[in-house]
Amino acid sequence: MRIVRFLTLFVLAATLASCVTTTDPRLIAALQRTSVREIRIELAPDVKTFGFGDKPDQQVQEAVRTLQATMAKELIGVPGGPARGRLVVTLHVFDVTTRQARIIGGHDSMIDGTVRLEDAKTGQLIAEAQNIHGEDLSMRGSGYGVIVAVAINAATTSGAPDIMAQRLSKSFTRNVKTWLTQK
């Protein structure tokens, strides 16, 4: 009986050990040799945009400018290598909720995109991340009752006119920075 348990535990441990993901040291070395000097954001032809109301084109462009500014502030010079790099972000989902949808409906905001780091001089690909995700969960105060939840959501959306895009941009930028500075 003990042998069966031991063998079962051994097989389980071997299975779990094979599931551990490791980062390719070549990727880490390539990232560390580069430093982001330019950031370009583009929308995929089939980008899914939601929550932009009556003037979606203008609002999407404003939200992209907010993302560009956040990324420039946080990522220029990262990870700090000598080679000049260009970060190219292709957005596949760009959903910035409106204040009304967030307060009343509990609508979340999210960004999904592909991030490429390329040599700024030659355009040669250095590294790529397929699924970078950023999100700003909307429902603050769920479980406390509808009135309290609506009041909390209203308080968290007060501030600058583009507060929703700023929060979403910070989340996405944080995940890109984590990818760029992996060890």
N, C-alpha and C. Protein backbone atom coordinates (compact mmCIF):
# COMPACT_ATOMS: atom_id res chain seq x y z
N MET A 1 0.82 -1.19 0.00
CA MET A 1 0.00 0.00 0.00
C MET A 1 0.87 1.26 0.00
N ARG A 2 1.96 1.25 0.77
CA ARG A 2 2.85 2.40 0.82
C ARG A 2 3.54 2.62 -0.51
N ILE A 3 3.86 1.54 -1.17
CA ILE A 3 4.53 1.65 -2.47
C ILE A 3 3.60 2.30 -3.48
N VAL A 4 2.33 1.95 -3.46
CA VAL A 4 1.35 2.55 -4.37
C VAL A 4 1.22 4.04 -4.09
N ARG A 5 1.16 4.43 -2.84
CA ARG A 5 1.08 5.85 -2.48
C ARG A 5 2.34 6.59 -2.92
N PHE A 6 3.48 5.96 -2.67
CA PHE A 6 4.75 6.58 -3.06
C PHE A 6 4.81 6.77 -4.58
N LEU A 7 4.43 5.74 -5.32
CA LEU A 7 4.45 5.84 -6.79
C LEU A 7 3.46 6.89 -7.28
N THR A 8 2.30 6.96 -6.65
CA THR A 8 1.30 7.96 -7.02
C THR A 8 1.83 9.37 -6.76
N LEU A 9 2.44 9.56 -5.61
CA LEU A 9 3.02 10.87 -5.30
C LEU A 9 4.17 11.21 -6.24
N PHE A 10 4.98 10.20 -6.58
CA PHE A 10 6.09 10.42 -7.50
C PHE A 10 5.59 10.84 -8.87
N VAL A 11 4.57 10.16 -9.38
CA VAL A 11 3.99 10.50 -10.69
C VAL A 11 3.38 11.90 -10.64
N LEU A 12 2.69 12.22 -9.56
CA LEU A 12 2.09 13.54 -9.41
C LEU A 12 3.17 14.62 -9.36
N ALA A 13 4.23 14.38 -8.61
CA ALA A 13 5.33 15.36 -8.52
C ALA A 13 6.01 15.53 -9.87
N ALA A 14 6.22 14.46 -10.59
CA ALA A 14 6.84 14.54 -11.92
C ALA A 14 5.95 15.32 -12.88
N THR A 15 4.65 15.09 -12.79
CA THR A 15 3.70 15.81 -13.64
C THR A 15 3.72 17.30 -13.33
N LEU A 16 3.68 17.65 -12.06
CA LEU A 16 3.71 19.06 -11.67
C LEU A 16 5.04 19.72 -12.05
N ALA A 17 6.13 19.01 -11.91
CA ALA A 17 7.43 19.57 -12.27
C ALA A 17 7.51 19.85 -13.75
N SER A 18 6.85 19.05 -14.56
CA SER A 18 6.88 19.29 -16.01
C SER A 18 6.01 20.46 -16.41
N CYS A 19 5.12 20.90 -15.54
CA CYS A 19 4.24 22.02 -15.84
C CYS A 19 4.87 23.38 -15.55
N VAL A 20 5.98 23.40 -14.88
CA VAL A 20 6.62 24.66 -14.54
C VAL A 20 7.13 25.32 -15.81
N THR A 21 6.75 26.55 -16.01
CA THR A 21 7.23 27.28 -17.18
C THR A 21 8.45 28.08 -16.81
N THR A 22 9.40 28.08 -17.70
CA THR A 22 10.59 28.87 -17.49
C THR A 22 10.73 29.84 -18.64
N THR A 23 11.33 30.95 -18.36
CA THR A 23 11.55 31.94 -19.39
C THR A 23 12.86 31.65 -20.10
N ASP A 24 12.82 31.73 -21.38
CA ASP A 24 14.00 31.48 -22.19
C ASP A 24 15.07 32.53 -21.86
N PRO A 25 16.26 32.10 -21.47
CA PRO A 25 17.31 33.06 -21.12
C PRO A 25 17.70 33.96 -22.30
N ARG A 26 17.50 33.47 -23.53
CA ARG A 26 17.80 34.30 -24.70
C ARG A 26 16.85 35.49 -24.78
N LEU A 27 15.59 35.27 -24.41
CA LEU A 27 14.62 36.36 -24.38
C LEU A 27 15.02 37.41 -23.35
N ILE A 28 15.37 36.96 -22.17
CA ILE A 28 15.76 37.88 -21.11
C ILE A 28 16.99 38.68 -21.53
N ALA A 29 17.98 38.00 -22.13
CA ALA A 29 19.19 38.68 -22.58
C ALA A 29 18.87 39.71 -23.67
N ALA A 30 17.99 39.36 -24.60
CA ALA A 30 17.62 40.30 -25.67
C ALA A 30 16.90 41.52 -25.10
N LEU A 31 16.01 41.28 -24.14
CA LEU A 31 15.30 42.40 -23.53
C LEU A 31 16.26 43.31 -22.77
N GLN A 32 17.20 42.72 -22.05
CA GLN A 32 18.12 43.51 -21.23
C GLN A 32 19.13 44.29 -22.06
N ARG A 33 19.37 43.89 -23.30
CA ARG A 33 20.29 44.63 -24.18
C ARG A 33 19.63 45.83 -24.83
N THR A 34 18.33 45.96 -24.65
CA THR A 34 17.56 46.98 -25.35
C THR A 34 16.98 47.98 -24.37
N SER A 35 16.72 49.17 -24.88
CA SER A 35 16.08 50.22 -24.09
C SER A 35 15.01 50.88 -24.97
N VAL A 36 13.79 50.94 -24.48
CA VAL A 36 12.70 51.54 -25.26
C VAL A 36 12.96 53.03 -25.44
N ARG A 37 12.98 53.46 -26.69
CA ARG A 37 13.17 54.89 -27.02
C ARG A 37 11.97 55.46 -27.76
N GLU A 38 11.19 54.59 -28.40
CA GLU A 38 10.01 55.02 -29.14
C GLU A 38 8.86 54.07 -28.81
N ILE A 39 7.66 54.61 -28.86
CA ILE A 39 6.47 53.78 -28.67
C ILE A 39 5.47 54.13 -29.76
N ARG A 40 5.01 53.10 -30.45
CA ARG A 40 4.00 53.29 -31.49
C ARG A 40 2.80 52.42 -31.14
N ILE A 41 1.63 53.01 -31.16
CA ILE A 41 0.40 52.28 -30.88
C ILE A 41 -0.45 52.25 -32.13
N GLU A 42 -0.90 51.07 -32.50
CA GLU A 42 -1.73 50.92 -33.67
C GLU A 42 -2.94 50.06 -33.31
N LEU A 43 -4.01 50.27 -34.04
CA LEU A 43 -5.22 49.48 -33.84
C LEU A 43 -5.27 48.40 -34.90
N ALA A 44 -5.54 47.17 -34.50
CA ALA A 44 -5.70 46.09 -35.47
C ALA A 44 -6.90 46.41 -36.35
N PRO A 45 -6.90 45.93 -37.59
CA PRO A 45 -8.05 46.22 -38.47
C PRO A 45 -9.38 45.76 -37.90
N ASP A 46 -9.36 44.69 -37.12
CA ASP A 46 -10.59 44.16 -36.53
C ASP A 46 -10.69 44.47 -35.04
N VAL A 47 -10.10 45.59 -34.61
CA VAL A 47 -10.12 45.95 -33.20
C VAL A 47 -11.56 46.06 -32.69
N LYS A 48 -11.76 45.55 -31.50
CA LYS A 48 -13.09 45.62 -30.88
C LYS A 48 -13.08 46.79 -29.90
N THR A 49 -13.88 47.79 -30.17
CA THR A 49 -13.98 48.94 -29.28
C THR A 49 -15.42 49.03 -28.80
N PHE A 50 -15.57 49.29 -27.52
CA PHE A 50 -16.89 49.39 -26.92
C PHE A 50 -16.90 50.60 -25.99
N GLY A 51 -18.06 51.06 -25.66
CA GLY A 51 -18.21 52.06 -24.61
C GLY A 51 -17.82 53.47 -25.01
N PHE A 52 -17.77 53.77 -26.30
CA PHE A 52 -17.33 55.10 -26.69
C PHE A 52 -18.48 56.03 -27.11
N GLY A 53 -19.69 55.60 -26.94
CA GLY A 53 -20.83 56.49 -27.11
C GLY A 53 -21.04 57.03 -28.51
N ASP A 54 -21.40 58.35 -28.58
CA ASP A 54 -21.82 58.97 -29.83
C ASP A 54 -20.69 59.24 -30.82
N LYS A 55 -19.50 59.57 -30.33
CA LYS A 55 -18.38 59.92 -31.20
C LYS A 55 -17.23 58.94 -30.99
N PRO A 56 -17.39 57.69 -31.45
CA PRO A 56 -16.39 56.68 -31.12
C PRO A 56 -15.00 56.98 -31.69
N ASP A 57 -14.91 57.50 -32.92
CA ASP A 57 -13.59 57.74 -33.51
C ASP A 57 -12.78 58.74 -32.70
N GLN A 58 -13.41 59.85 -32.32
CA GLN A 58 -12.71 60.88 -31.54
C GLN A 58 -12.35 60.34 -30.16
N GLN A 59 -13.25 59.63 -29.51
CA GLN A 59 -12.99 59.12 -28.17
C GLN A 59 -11.93 58.02 -28.18
N VAL A 60 -11.92 57.19 -29.20
CA VAL A 60 -10.89 56.16 -29.30
C VAL A 60 -9.53 56.83 -29.45
N GLN A 61 -9.44 57.85 -30.29
CA GLN A 61 -8.17 58.54 -30.49
C GLN A 61 -7.70 59.22 -29.21
N GLU A 62 -8.61 59.79 -28.45
CA GLU A 62 -8.24 60.40 -27.16
C GLU A 62 -7.75 59.34 -26.17
N ALA A 63 -8.41 58.18 -26.15
CA ALA A 63 -8.00 57.11 -25.26
C ALA A 63 -6.64 56.55 -25.68
N VAL A 64 -6.39 56.47 -26.99
CA VAL A 64 -5.09 56.02 -27.48
C VAL A 64 -4.00 57.01 -27.09
N ARG A 65 -4.31 58.31 -27.17
CA ARG A 65 -3.34 59.33 -26.74
C ARG A 65 -3.04 59.19 -25.24
N THR A 66 -4.04 58.89 -24.44
CA THR A 66 -3.84 58.67 -23.01
C THR A 66 -2.94 57.47 -22.78
N LEU A 67 -3.19 56.39 -23.50
CA LEU A 67 -2.34 55.20 -23.40
C LEU A 67 -0.91 55.52 -23.84
N GLN A 68 -0.77 56.25 -24.92
CA GLN A 68 0.56 56.63 -25.43
C GLN A 68 1.32 57.44 -24.37
N ALA A 69 0.65 58.39 -23.76
CA ALA A 69 1.30 59.24 -22.74
C ALA A 69 1.70 58.41 -21.52
N THR A 70 0.83 57.53 -21.07
CA THR A 70 1.14 56.69 -19.92
C THR A 70 2.32 55.78 -20.21
N MET A 71 2.31 55.18 -21.39
CA MET A 71 3.40 54.27 -21.75
C MET A 71 4.72 55.03 -21.90
N ALA A 72 4.68 56.20 -22.49
CA ALA A 72 5.90 57.00 -22.65
C ALA A 72 6.48 57.37 -21.30
N LYS A 73 5.62 57.75 -20.39
CA LYS A 73 6.07 58.15 -19.05
C LYS A 73 6.71 56.99 -18.29
N GLU A 74 6.12 55.81 -18.41
CA GLU A 74 6.56 54.66 -17.62
C GLU A 74 7.59 53.76 -18.31
N LEU A 75 7.65 53.77 -19.65
CA LEU A 75 8.45 52.76 -20.33
C LEU A 75 9.67 53.28 -21.09
N ILE A 76 9.75 54.58 -21.34
CA ILE A 76 10.92 55.09 -22.04
C ILE A 76 12.15 54.85 -21.16
N GLY A 77 13.14 54.19 -21.74
CA GLY A 77 14.36 53.87 -21.00
C GLY A 77 14.36 52.50 -20.35
N VAL A 78 13.26 51.78 -20.40
CA VAL A 78 13.15 50.45 -19.79
C VAL A 78 13.49 49.42 -20.86
N PRO A 79 14.13 48.36 -20.59
CA PRO A 79 14.76 47.92 -19.36
C PRO A 79 16.13 48.53 -19.10
N GLY A 80 16.69 49.30 -20.01
CA GLY A 80 17.91 50.03 -19.70
C GLY A 80 19.15 49.61 -20.45
N GLY A 81 19.02 48.80 -21.49
CA GLY A 81 20.18 48.37 -22.26
C GLY A 81 20.66 49.45 -23.22
N PRO A 82 21.81 49.23 -23.87
CA PRO A 82 22.38 50.24 -24.75
C PRO A 82 21.72 50.35 -26.13
N ALA A 83 21.08 49.28 -26.62
CA ALA A 83 20.48 49.31 -27.96
C ALA A 83 19.15 50.05 -27.93
N ARG A 84 18.93 50.92 -28.94
CA ARG A 84 17.67 51.67 -29.03
C ARG A 84 16.57 50.77 -29.56
N GLY A 85 15.46 50.73 -28.84
CA GLY A 85 14.35 49.88 -29.23
C GLY A 85 13.08 50.68 -29.47
N ARG A 86 12.21 50.11 -30.30
CA ARG A 86 10.89 50.68 -30.57
C ARG A 86 9.87 49.66 -30.09
N LEU A 87 8.94 50.12 -29.29
CA LEU A 87 7.86 49.28 -28.79
C LEU A 87 6.65 49.52 -29.68
N VAL A 88 6.16 48.47 -30.31
CA VAL A 88 5.00 48.56 -31.19
C VAL A 88 3.87 47.79 -30.53
N VAL A 89 2.79 48.50 -30.21
CA VAL A 89 1.64 47.90 -29.53
C VAL A 89 0.49 47.85 -30.52
N THR A 90 -0.01 46.65 -30.79
CA THR A 90 -1.16 46.47 -31.66
C THR A 90 -2.34 46.08 -30.79
N LEU A 91 -3.34 46.94 -30.74
CA LEU A 91 -4.50 46.70 -29.88
C LEU A 91 -5.55 45.88 -30.62
N HIS A 92 -6.02 44.82 -29.97
CA HIS A 92 -7.05 43.96 -30.53
C HIS A 92 -8.40 44.21 -29.85
N VAL A 93 -8.37 44.53 -28.57
CA VAL A 93 -9.57 44.92 -27.82
C VAL A 93 -9.22 46.19 -27.07
N PHE A 94 -10.05 47.20 -27.23
CA PHE A 94 -9.83 48.46 -26.53
C PHE A 94 -11.19 48.94 -26.05
N ASP A 95 -11.54 48.55 -24.86
CA ASP A 95 -12.87 48.79 -24.31
C ASP A 95 -12.74 49.68 -23.08
N VAL A 96 -13.02 50.96 -23.26
CA VAL A 96 -13.00 51.90 -22.14
C VAL A 96 -14.44 52.22 -21.81
N THR A 97 -14.86 51.84 -20.62
CA THR A 97 -16.24 52.06 -20.23
C THR A 97 -16.52 53.55 -20.01
N THR A 98 -17.77 53.91 -20.17
CA THR A 98 -18.17 55.28 -19.84
C THR A 98 -18.44 55.35 -18.34
N ARG A 99 -18.45 56.54 -17.81
CA ARG A 99 -18.75 56.68 -16.37
C ARG A 99 -20.14 56.14 -16.04
N GLN A 100 -21.09 56.45 -16.91
CA GLN A 100 -22.46 56.02 -16.65
C GLN A 100 -22.56 54.49 -16.64
N ALA A 101 -21.91 53.85 -17.60
CA ALA A 101 -21.96 52.37 -17.66
C ALA A 101 -21.27 51.77 -16.45
N ARG A 102 -20.21 52.41 -15.99
CA ARG A 102 -19.49 51.89 -14.84
C ARG A 102 -20.32 52.07 -13.57
N ILE A 103 -20.90 53.24 -13.40
CA ILE A 103 -21.65 53.53 -12.18
C ILE A 103 -22.91 52.68 -12.09
N ILE A 104 -23.67 52.64 -13.16
CA ILE A 104 -24.97 51.98 -13.11
C ILE A 104 -24.88 50.50 -13.47
N GLY A 105 -24.15 50.20 -14.54
CA GLY A 105 -24.16 48.83 -15.04
C GLY A 105 -23.01 47.96 -14.61
N GLY A 106 -22.00 48.53 -13.98
CA GLY A 106 -20.86 47.73 -13.56
C GLY A 106 -20.04 47.22 -14.73
N HIS A 107 -19.90 48.01 -15.79
CA HIS A 107 -19.17 47.60 -16.99
C HIS A 107 -17.66 47.74 -16.77
N ASP A 108 -16.91 46.69 -17.06
CA ASP A 108 -15.45 46.70 -16.91
C ASP A 108 -14.78 47.30 -18.14
N SER A 109 -13.54 47.76 -17.98
CA SER A 109 -12.73 48.23 -19.09
C SER A 109 -11.60 47.23 -19.30
N MET A 110 -11.19 47.04 -20.57
CA MET A 110 -10.09 46.13 -20.83
C MET A 110 -9.36 46.48 -22.12
N ILE A 111 -8.08 46.10 -22.14
CA ILE A 111 -7.24 46.22 -23.33
C ILE A 111 -6.57 44.86 -23.51
N ASP A 112 -6.59 44.38 -24.75
CA ASP A 112 -5.82 43.20 -25.13
C ASP A 112 -4.99 43.59 -26.33
N GLY A 113 -3.72 43.23 -26.32
CA GLY A 113 -2.88 43.59 -27.44
C GLY A 113 -1.64 42.74 -27.56
N THR A 114 -1.01 42.89 -28.70
CA THR A 114 0.28 42.27 -28.98
C THR A 114 1.33 43.35 -28.85
N VAL A 115 2.43 43.04 -28.19
CA VAL A 115 3.50 44.01 -27.99
C VAL A 115 4.76 43.45 -28.62
N ARG A 116 5.36 44.24 -29.51
CA ARG A 116 6.61 43.85 -30.15
C ARG A 116 7.69 44.85 -29.78
N LEU A 117 8.85 44.34 -29.49
CA LEU A 117 10.01 45.19 -29.28
C LEU A 117 10.93 44.96 -30.46
N GLU A 118 11.24 46.02 -31.17
CA GLU A 118 12.09 45.89 -32.35
C GLU A 118 13.23 46.90 -32.29
N ASP A 119 14.26 46.62 -33.04
CA ASP A 119 15.41 47.52 -33.14
C ASP A 119 14.93 48.80 -33.82
N ALA A 120 15.20 49.95 -33.21
CA ALA A 120 14.70 51.21 -33.74
C ALA A 120 15.36 51.57 -35.08
N LYS A 121 16.59 51.14 -35.31
CA LYS A 121 17.29 51.46 -36.56
C LYS A 121 16.86 50.54 -37.70
N THR A 122 16.87 49.25 -37.44
CA THR A 122 16.66 48.28 -38.52
C THR A 122 15.23 47.76 -38.60
N GLY A 123 14.48 47.87 -37.54
CA GLY A 123 13.13 47.33 -37.51
C GLY A 123 13.10 45.83 -37.24
N GLN A 124 14.26 45.23 -36.97
CA GLN A 124 14.34 43.80 -36.70
C GLN A 124 13.66 43.48 -35.38
N LEU A 125 12.87 42.42 -35.38
CA LEU A 125 12.15 41.98 -34.18
C LEU A 125 13.13 41.47 -33.13
N ILE A 126 12.98 41.97 -31.91
CA ILE A 126 13.80 41.52 -30.79
C ILE A 126 13.00 40.56 -29.92
N ALA A 127 11.77 40.93 -29.61
CA ALA A 127 10.91 40.08 -28.77
C ALA A 127 9.46 40.46 -29.02
N GLU A 128 8.57 39.52 -28.70
CA GLU A 128 7.14 39.76 -28.91
C GLU A 128 6.34 39.05 -27.83
N ALA A 129 5.33 39.72 -27.35
CA ALA A 129 4.38 39.14 -26.40
C ALA A 129 3.00 39.18 -27.05
N GLN A 130 2.40 38.02 -27.19
CA GLN A 130 1.14 37.90 -27.93
C GLN A 130 -0.07 38.43 -27.18
N ASN A 131 -0.16 38.19 -25.89
CA ASN A 131 -1.40 38.48 -25.17
C ASN A 131 -1.14 39.31 -23.92
N ILE A 132 -0.89 40.57 -24.11
CA ILE A 132 -0.78 41.46 -22.95
C ILE A 132 -2.19 41.97 -22.68
N HIS A 133 -2.56 41.94 -21.43
CA HIS A 133 -3.93 42.29 -21.04
C HIS A 133 -3.89 43.35 -19.94
N GLY A 134 -4.76 44.30 -20.04
CA GLY A 134 -4.95 45.28 -18.98
C GLY A 134 -6.43 45.39 -18.70
N GLU A 135 -6.77 45.63 -17.43
CA GLU A 135 -8.18 45.75 -17.11
C GLU A 135 -8.38 46.66 -15.92
N ASP A 136 -9.55 47.24 -15.88
CA ASP A 136 -9.97 48.02 -14.74
C ASP A 136 -11.35 47.51 -14.38
N LEU A 137 -11.41 46.74 -13.32
CA LEU A 137 -12.68 46.15 -12.91
C LEU A 137 -13.59 47.23 -12.37
N SER A 138 -14.83 47.18 -12.76
CA SER A 138 -15.71 48.30 -12.47
C SER A 138 -16.44 48.22 -11.15
N MET A 139 -16.95 47.10 -10.80
CA MET A 139 -17.86 47.04 -9.67
C MET A 139 -17.10 47.17 -8.37
N ARG A 140 -17.18 48.32 -7.78
CA ARG A 140 -16.61 48.57 -6.47
C ARG A 140 -17.76 48.57 -5.48
N GLY A 141 -17.70 47.70 -4.52
CA GLY A 141 -18.74 47.68 -3.51
C GLY A 141 -19.84 46.68 -3.77
N SER A 142 -19.62 45.73 -4.65
CA SER A 142 -20.65 44.72 -4.87
C SER A 142 -20.83 43.92 -3.59
N GLY A 143 -22.04 43.52 -3.35
CA GLY A 143 -22.33 42.78 -2.14
C GLY A 143 -22.78 43.68 -1.00
N TYR A 144 -22.55 44.98 -1.12
CA TYR A 144 -22.97 45.91 -0.07
C TYR A 144 -24.37 46.44 -0.32
N GLY A 145 -24.94 46.08 -1.43
CA GLY A 145 -26.24 46.60 -1.80
C GLY A 145 -26.09 47.52 -2.98
N VAL A 146 -27.12 47.63 -3.77
CA VAL A 146 -27.07 48.38 -5.01
C VAL A 146 -26.78 49.86 -4.77
N ILE A 147 -27.40 50.47 -3.81
CA ILE A 147 -27.23 51.92 -3.58
C ILE A 147 -25.80 52.22 -3.14
N VAL A 148 -25.27 51.42 -2.24
CA VAL A 148 -23.90 51.63 -1.78
C VAL A 148 -22.93 51.40 -2.93
N ALA A 149 -23.16 50.34 -3.73
CA ALA A 149 -22.28 50.04 -4.86
C ALA A 149 -22.28 51.17 -5.87
N VAL A 150 -23.47 51.73 -6.18
CA VAL A 150 -23.56 52.85 -7.12
C VAL A 150 -22.82 54.06 -6.57
N ALA A 151 -22.96 54.33 -5.28
CA ALA A 151 -22.26 55.47 -4.67
C ALA A 151 -20.74 55.28 -4.72
N ILE A 152 -20.28 54.07 -4.44
CA ILE A 152 -18.84 53.80 -4.49
C ILE A 152 -18.33 53.93 -5.92
N ASN A 153 -19.07 53.40 -6.89
CA ASN A 153 -18.67 53.51 -8.29
C ASN A 153 -18.64 54.97 -8.74
N ALA A 154 -19.59 55.76 -8.30
CA ALA A 154 -19.60 57.19 -8.66
C ALA A 154 -18.39 57.91 -8.08
N ALA A 155 -18.03 57.58 -6.85
CA ALA A 155 -16.88 58.22 -6.22
C ALA A 155 -15.57 57.83 -6.90
N THR A 156 -15.47 56.59 -7.34
CA THR A 156 -14.21 56.14 -7.97
C THR A 156 -14.05 56.65 -9.39
N THR A 157 -15.11 57.17 -10.00
CA THR A 157 -14.99 57.69 -11.36
C THR A 157 -14.92 59.20 -11.40
N SER A 158 -14.92 59.84 -10.24
CA SER A 158 -14.81 61.30 -10.25
C SER A 158 -13.36 61.68 -10.50
N GLY A 159 -13.15 62.86 -11.03
CA GLY A 159 -11.79 63.32 -11.31
C GLY A 159 -11.67 63.81 -12.73
N ALA A 160 -10.53 63.56 -13.34
CA ALA A 160 -10.25 64.03 -14.70
C ALA A 160 -11.25 63.44 -15.69
N PRO A 161 -11.50 64.15 -16.80
CA PRO A 161 -12.46 63.66 -17.78
C PRO A 161 -12.09 62.29 -18.36
N ASP A 162 -10.81 62.00 -18.45
CA ASP A 162 -10.39 60.73 -19.03
C ASP A 162 -9.92 59.73 -17.96
N ILE A 163 -10.52 59.81 -16.78
CA ILE A 163 -10.09 58.96 -15.66
C ILE A 163 -10.19 57.48 -16.00
N MET A 164 -11.20 57.09 -16.75
CA MET A 164 -11.37 55.68 -17.09
C MET A 164 -10.23 55.22 -18.00
N ALA A 165 -9.89 56.01 -19.00
CA ALA A 165 -8.78 55.67 -19.90
C ALA A 165 -7.45 55.67 -19.15
N GLN A 166 -7.28 56.58 -18.20
CA GLN A 166 -6.04 56.63 -17.42
C GLN A 166 -5.86 55.37 -16.60
N ARG A 167 -6.90 54.92 -15.93
CA ARG A 167 -6.81 53.72 -15.09
C ARG A 167 -6.50 52.49 -15.94
N LEU A 168 -7.17 52.40 -17.07
CA LEU A 168 -6.96 51.27 -17.96
C LEU A 168 -5.54 51.30 -18.53
N SER A 169 -5.08 52.48 -18.90
CA SER A 169 -3.73 52.64 -19.45
C SER A 169 -2.67 52.25 -18.43
N LYS A 170 -2.87 52.61 -17.18
CA LYS A 170 -1.91 52.24 -16.13
C LYS A 170 -1.84 50.73 -15.96
N SER A 171 -2.97 50.06 -16.00
CA SER A 171 -2.99 48.61 -15.85
C SER A 171 -2.26 47.93 -17.01
N PHE A 172 -2.55 48.34 -18.22
CA PHE A 172 -1.91 47.75 -19.40
C PHE A 172 -0.41 48.04 -19.40
N THR A 173 -0.03 49.27 -19.09
CA THR A 173 1.38 49.66 -19.06
C THR A 173 2.14 48.87 -18.01
N ARG A 174 1.54 48.66 -16.87
CA ARG A 174 2.18 47.88 -15.80
C ARG A 174 2.49 46.46 -16.29
N ASN A 175 1.56 45.85 -17.04
CA ASN A 175 1.79 44.50 -17.55
C ASN A 175 2.85 44.47 -18.64
N VAL A 176 2.91 45.50 -19.47
CA VAL A 176 3.97 45.59 -20.48
C VAL A 176 5.32 45.75 -19.79
N LYS A 177 5.38 46.57 -18.77
CA LYS A 177 6.64 46.78 -18.04
C LYS A 177 7.10 45.48 -17.37
N THR A 178 6.16 44.73 -16.83
CA THR A 178 6.51 43.44 -16.23
C THR A 178 7.12 42.51 -17.27
N TRP A 179 6.55 42.51 -18.47
CA TRP A 179 7.10 41.68 -19.55
C TRP A 179 8.51 42.16 -19.95
N LEU A 180 8.68 43.47 -20.06
CA LEU A 180 9.97 44.01 -20.49
C LEU A 180 11.08 43.78 -19.45
N THR A 181 10.73 43.73 -18.19
CA THR A 181 11.75 43.66 -17.13
C THR A 181 11.82 42.29 -16.47
N GLN A 182 11.32 41.27 -17.14
CA GLN A 182 11.36 39.93 -16.55
C GLN A 182 12.80 39.47 -16.34
N LYS A 183 12.98 38.65 -15.32
CA LYS A 183 14.31 38.16 -14.97
C LYS A 183 14.35 36.67 -14.92
